[in-house]
Amino acid sequence: MVYTIKIKDKSVKARSIINMLKALQEDYDFIEISEEHENQDDDKIMKELEIRYNAFLNSGEGKEWSTLLKNPCSFV
């Protein structure tokens, strides 16, 4: 069985729990701790990439990705 525990708070109590779990992780190989980054940053990045991609396509210099995939030599 796999359990997921998410601690979203950055308070002293939350850090204490995280540190306790990290200490347990050293003794028990079945405990794995990983830090997740918030999705808000990913959403902002994807939105910015979409804006830049559309601006590139609308500039007249850009080509559709599907066209580039059909003819890899057209990347240049």
N, C-alpha and C. Protein backbone atom coordinates (compact mmCIF):
# COMPACT_ATOMS: atom_id res chain seq x y z
N MET A 1 0.83 -1.19 0.00
CA MET A 1 0.00 0.00 0.00
C MET A 1 0.87 1.24 0.00
N VAL A 2 0.39 2.25 -0.70
CA VAL A 2 1.11 3.51 -0.75
C VAL A 2 0.21 4.59 -0.17
N TYR A 3 0.75 5.37 0.74
CA TYR A 3 0.03 6.48 1.34
C TYR A 3 0.69 7.79 0.91
N THR A 4 -0.12 8.79 0.71
CA THR A 4 0.40 10.12 0.39
C THR A 4 -0.02 11.07 1.48
N ILE A 5 0.94 11.77 2.03
CA ILE A 5 0.67 12.77 3.06
C ILE A 5 1.14 14.11 2.52
N LYS A 6 0.25 15.08 2.47
CA LYS A 6 0.63 16.41 2.00
C LYS A 6 0.59 17.39 3.16
N ILE A 7 1.66 18.10 3.34
CA ILE A 7 1.75 19.14 4.37
C ILE A 7 1.93 20.45 3.63
N LYS A 8 0.90 21.28 3.65
CA LYS A 8 0.91 22.51 2.86
C LYS A 8 1.26 23.74 3.69
N ASP A 9 1.41 23.56 4.96
CA ASP A 9 1.68 24.68 5.85
C ASP A 9 3.18 24.85 6.03
N LYS A 10 3.63 26.05 6.30
CA LYS A 10 5.06 26.31 6.53
C LYS A 10 5.31 26.75 7.96
N SER A 11 4.40 26.40 8.85
CA SER A 11 4.52 26.80 10.25
C SER A 11 5.60 25.98 10.95
N VAL A 12 5.89 26.34 12.18
CA VAL A 12 6.87 25.63 12.99
C VAL A 12 6.43 24.18 13.22
N LYS A 13 5.14 23.99 13.49
CA LYS A 13 4.62 22.63 13.71
C LYS A 13 4.77 21.78 12.44
N ALA A 14 4.46 22.37 11.30
CA ALA A 14 4.58 21.64 10.03
C ALA A 14 6.04 21.24 9.77
N ARG A 15 6.97 22.18 9.98
CA ARG A 15 8.39 21.89 9.78
C ARG A 15 8.84 20.80 10.76
N SER A 16 8.30 20.81 11.97
CA SER A 16 8.64 19.81 12.97
C SER A 16 8.22 18.41 12.49
N ILE A 17 7.02 18.31 11.94
CA ILE A 17 6.52 17.03 11.43
C ILE A 17 7.38 16.56 10.26
N ILE A 18 7.71 17.48 9.37
CA ILE A 18 8.54 17.14 8.22
C ILE A 18 9.92 16.64 8.69
N ASN A 19 10.50 17.32 9.64
CA ASN A 19 11.80 16.90 10.17
C ASN A 19 11.72 15.54 10.84
N MET A 20 10.62 15.27 11.54
CA MET A 20 10.43 13.97 12.18
C MET A 20 10.35 12.88 11.12
N LEU A 21 9.60 13.13 10.04
CA LEU A 21 9.49 12.15 8.96
C LEU A 21 10.83 11.94 8.27
N LYS A 22 11.60 13.00 8.11
CA LYS A 22 12.93 12.86 7.50
C LYS A 22 13.85 12.02 8.38
N ALA A 23 13.73 12.18 9.69
CA ALA A 23 14.53 11.37 10.61
C ALA A 23 14.12 9.90 10.52
N LEU A 24 12.83 9.66 10.43
CA LEU A 24 12.35 8.28 10.29
C LEU A 24 12.79 7.67 8.97
N GLN A 25 12.87 8.50 7.94
CA GLN A 25 13.27 8.04 6.62
C GLN A 25 14.68 7.44 6.64
N GLU A 26 15.52 7.96 7.50
CA GLU A 26 16.90 7.46 7.60
C GLU A 26 16.94 6.03 8.14
N ASP A 27 15.97 5.68 8.98
CA ASP A 27 15.94 4.36 9.59
C ASP A 27 15.07 3.35 8.85
N TYR A 28 14.11 3.83 8.07
CA TYR A 28 13.16 2.95 7.40
C TYR A 28 13.17 3.22 5.90
N ASP A 29 13.57 2.20 5.14
CA ASP A 29 13.70 2.38 3.70
C ASP A 29 12.36 2.46 2.97
N PHE A 30 11.27 2.16 3.64
CA PHE A 30 9.96 2.23 2.99
C PHE A 30 9.34 3.64 3.06
N ILE A 31 10.04 4.56 3.71
CA ILE A 31 9.55 5.94 3.78
C ILE A 31 10.29 6.77 2.73
N GLU A 32 9.52 7.45 1.92
CA GLU A 32 10.10 8.32 0.89
C GLU A 32 9.45 9.70 1.00
N ILE A 33 10.28 10.72 1.06
CA ILE A 33 9.79 12.09 1.18
C ILE A 33 10.24 12.87 -0.04
N SER A 34 9.29 13.53 -0.70
CA SER A 34 9.64 14.37 -1.84
C SER A 34 8.85 15.67 -1.75
N GLU A 35 9.49 16.72 -2.16
CA GLU A 35 8.86 18.04 -2.10
C GLU A 35 8.22 18.35 -3.45
N GLU A 36 6.97 18.75 -3.43
CA GLU A 36 6.27 19.12 -4.65
C GLU A 36 6.21 20.64 -4.76
N HIS A 37 6.39 21.11 -5.96
CA HIS A 37 6.26 22.54 -6.20
C HIS A 37 4.80 22.85 -6.50
N GLU A 38 4.38 24.02 -6.14
CA GLU A 38 2.99 24.38 -6.35
C GLU A 38 2.68 24.51 -7.83
N ASN A 39 1.46 24.10 -8.20
CA ASN A 39 1.03 24.13 -9.59
C ASN A 39 0.83 25.53 -10.13
N GLN A 40 0.67 26.51 -9.27
CA GLN A 40 0.43 27.87 -9.73
C GLN A 40 1.57 28.34 -10.61
N ASP A 41 2.80 28.03 -10.23
CA ASP A 41 3.95 28.42 -11.03
C ASP A 41 3.92 27.74 -12.39
N ASP A 42 3.57 26.45 -12.41
CA ASP A 42 3.49 25.71 -13.67
C ASP A 42 2.42 26.30 -14.58
N ASP A 43 1.29 26.68 -14.00
CA ASP A 43 0.21 27.28 -14.78
C ASP A 43 0.64 28.60 -15.39
N LYS A 44 1.37 29.39 -14.61
CA LYS A 44 1.85 30.68 -15.11
C LYS A 44 2.84 30.48 -16.26
N ILE A 45 3.72 29.51 -16.10
CA ILE A 45 4.72 29.23 -17.13
C ILE A 45 4.04 28.75 -18.41
N MET A 46 3.08 27.85 -18.27
CA MET A 46 2.38 27.33 -19.45
C MET A 46 1.60 28.45 -20.16
N LYS A 47 1.00 29.34 -19.40
CA LYS A 47 0.27 30.46 -19.99
C LYS A 47 1.23 31.37 -20.76
N GLU A 48 2.38 31.65 -20.17
CA GLU A 48 3.38 32.50 -20.83
C GLU A 48 3.91 31.83 -22.09
N LEU A 49 4.16 30.52 -22.04
CA LEU A 49 4.63 29.81 -23.22
C LEU A 49 3.59 29.84 -24.34
N GLU A 50 2.33 29.69 -23.97
CA GLU A 50 1.25 29.74 -24.96
C GLU A 50 1.20 31.12 -25.62
N ILE A 51 1.34 32.18 -24.83
CA ILE A 51 1.32 33.55 -25.37
C ILE A 51 2.49 33.74 -26.33
N ARG A 52 3.67 33.29 -25.93
CA ARG A 52 4.86 33.46 -26.78
C ARG A 52 4.76 32.62 -28.05
N TYR A 53 4.23 31.41 -27.93
CA TYR A 53 4.08 30.54 -29.09
C TYR A 53 3.12 31.17 -30.09
N ASN A 54 1.99 31.67 -29.62
CA ASN A 54 1.02 32.30 -30.51
C ASN A 54 1.59 33.56 -31.15
N ALA A 55 2.36 34.33 -30.40
CA ALA A 55 2.99 35.52 -30.96
C ALA A 55 3.98 35.13 -32.05
N PHE A 56 4.71 34.05 -31.83
CA PHE A 56 5.66 33.56 -32.83
C PHE A 56 4.94 33.12 -34.10
N LEU A 57 3.84 32.38 -33.93
CA LEU A 57 3.09 31.93 -35.10
C LEU A 57 2.49 33.11 -35.87
N ASN A 58 2.02 34.11 -35.16
CA ASN A 58 1.38 35.26 -35.80
C ASN A 58 2.39 36.22 -36.43
N SER A 59 3.67 36.05 -36.12
CA SER A 59 4.67 36.96 -36.66
C SER A 59 4.96 36.69 -38.14
N GLY A 60 4.52 35.57 -38.66
CA GLY A 60 4.78 35.22 -40.04
C GLY A 60 6.05 34.40 -40.21
N GLU A 61 6.88 34.36 -39.19
CA GLU A 61 8.11 33.58 -39.25
C GLU A 61 7.91 32.17 -38.70
N GLY A 62 6.86 31.98 -37.94
CA GLY A 62 6.65 30.70 -37.27
C GLY A 62 5.96 29.68 -38.16
N LYS A 63 6.16 28.41 -37.83
CA LYS A 63 5.52 27.31 -38.53
C LYS A 63 4.81 26.45 -37.50
N GLU A 64 3.74 25.81 -37.92
CA GLU A 64 3.01 24.91 -37.03
C GLU A 64 3.92 23.74 -36.62
N TRP A 65 3.79 23.30 -35.39
CA TRP A 65 4.59 22.20 -34.88
C TRP A 65 4.38 20.94 -35.70
N SER A 66 3.15 20.66 -36.09
CA SER A 66 2.87 19.46 -36.88
C SER A 66 3.62 19.50 -38.21
N THR A 67 3.76 20.67 -38.80
CA THR A 67 4.51 20.82 -40.05
C THR A 67 5.98 20.53 -39.82
N LEU A 68 6.52 21.05 -38.73
CA LEU A 68 7.93 20.82 -38.42
C LEU A 68 8.21 19.34 -38.16
N LEU A 69 7.29 18.66 -37.53
CA LEU A 69 7.50 17.23 -37.24
C LEU A 69 7.50 16.40 -38.51
N LYS A 70 6.72 16.79 -39.51
CA LYS A 70 6.66 16.05 -40.78
C LYS A 70 7.97 16.20 -41.56
N ASN A 71 8.60 17.36 -41.43
CA ASN A 71 9.83 17.62 -42.19
C ASN A 71 10.87 18.22 -41.24
N PRO A 72 11.64 17.37 -40.55
CA PRO A 72 12.61 17.85 -39.56
C PRO A 72 13.63 18.82 -40.16
N CYS A 73 13.90 18.75 -41.44
CA CYS A 73 14.87 19.65 -42.06
C CYS A 73 14.34 21.09 -42.11
N SER A 74 13.05 21.27 -41.91
CA SER A 74 12.48 22.61 -41.98
C SER A 74 12.68 23.40 -40.67
N PHE A 75 13.35 22.81 -39.69
CA PHE A 75 13.63 23.51 -38.44
C PHE A 75 14.55 24.70 -38.67
N VAL A 76 15.37 24.64 -39.67
CA VAL A 76 16.35 25.70 -39.92
C VAL A 76 15.80 26.80 -40.78
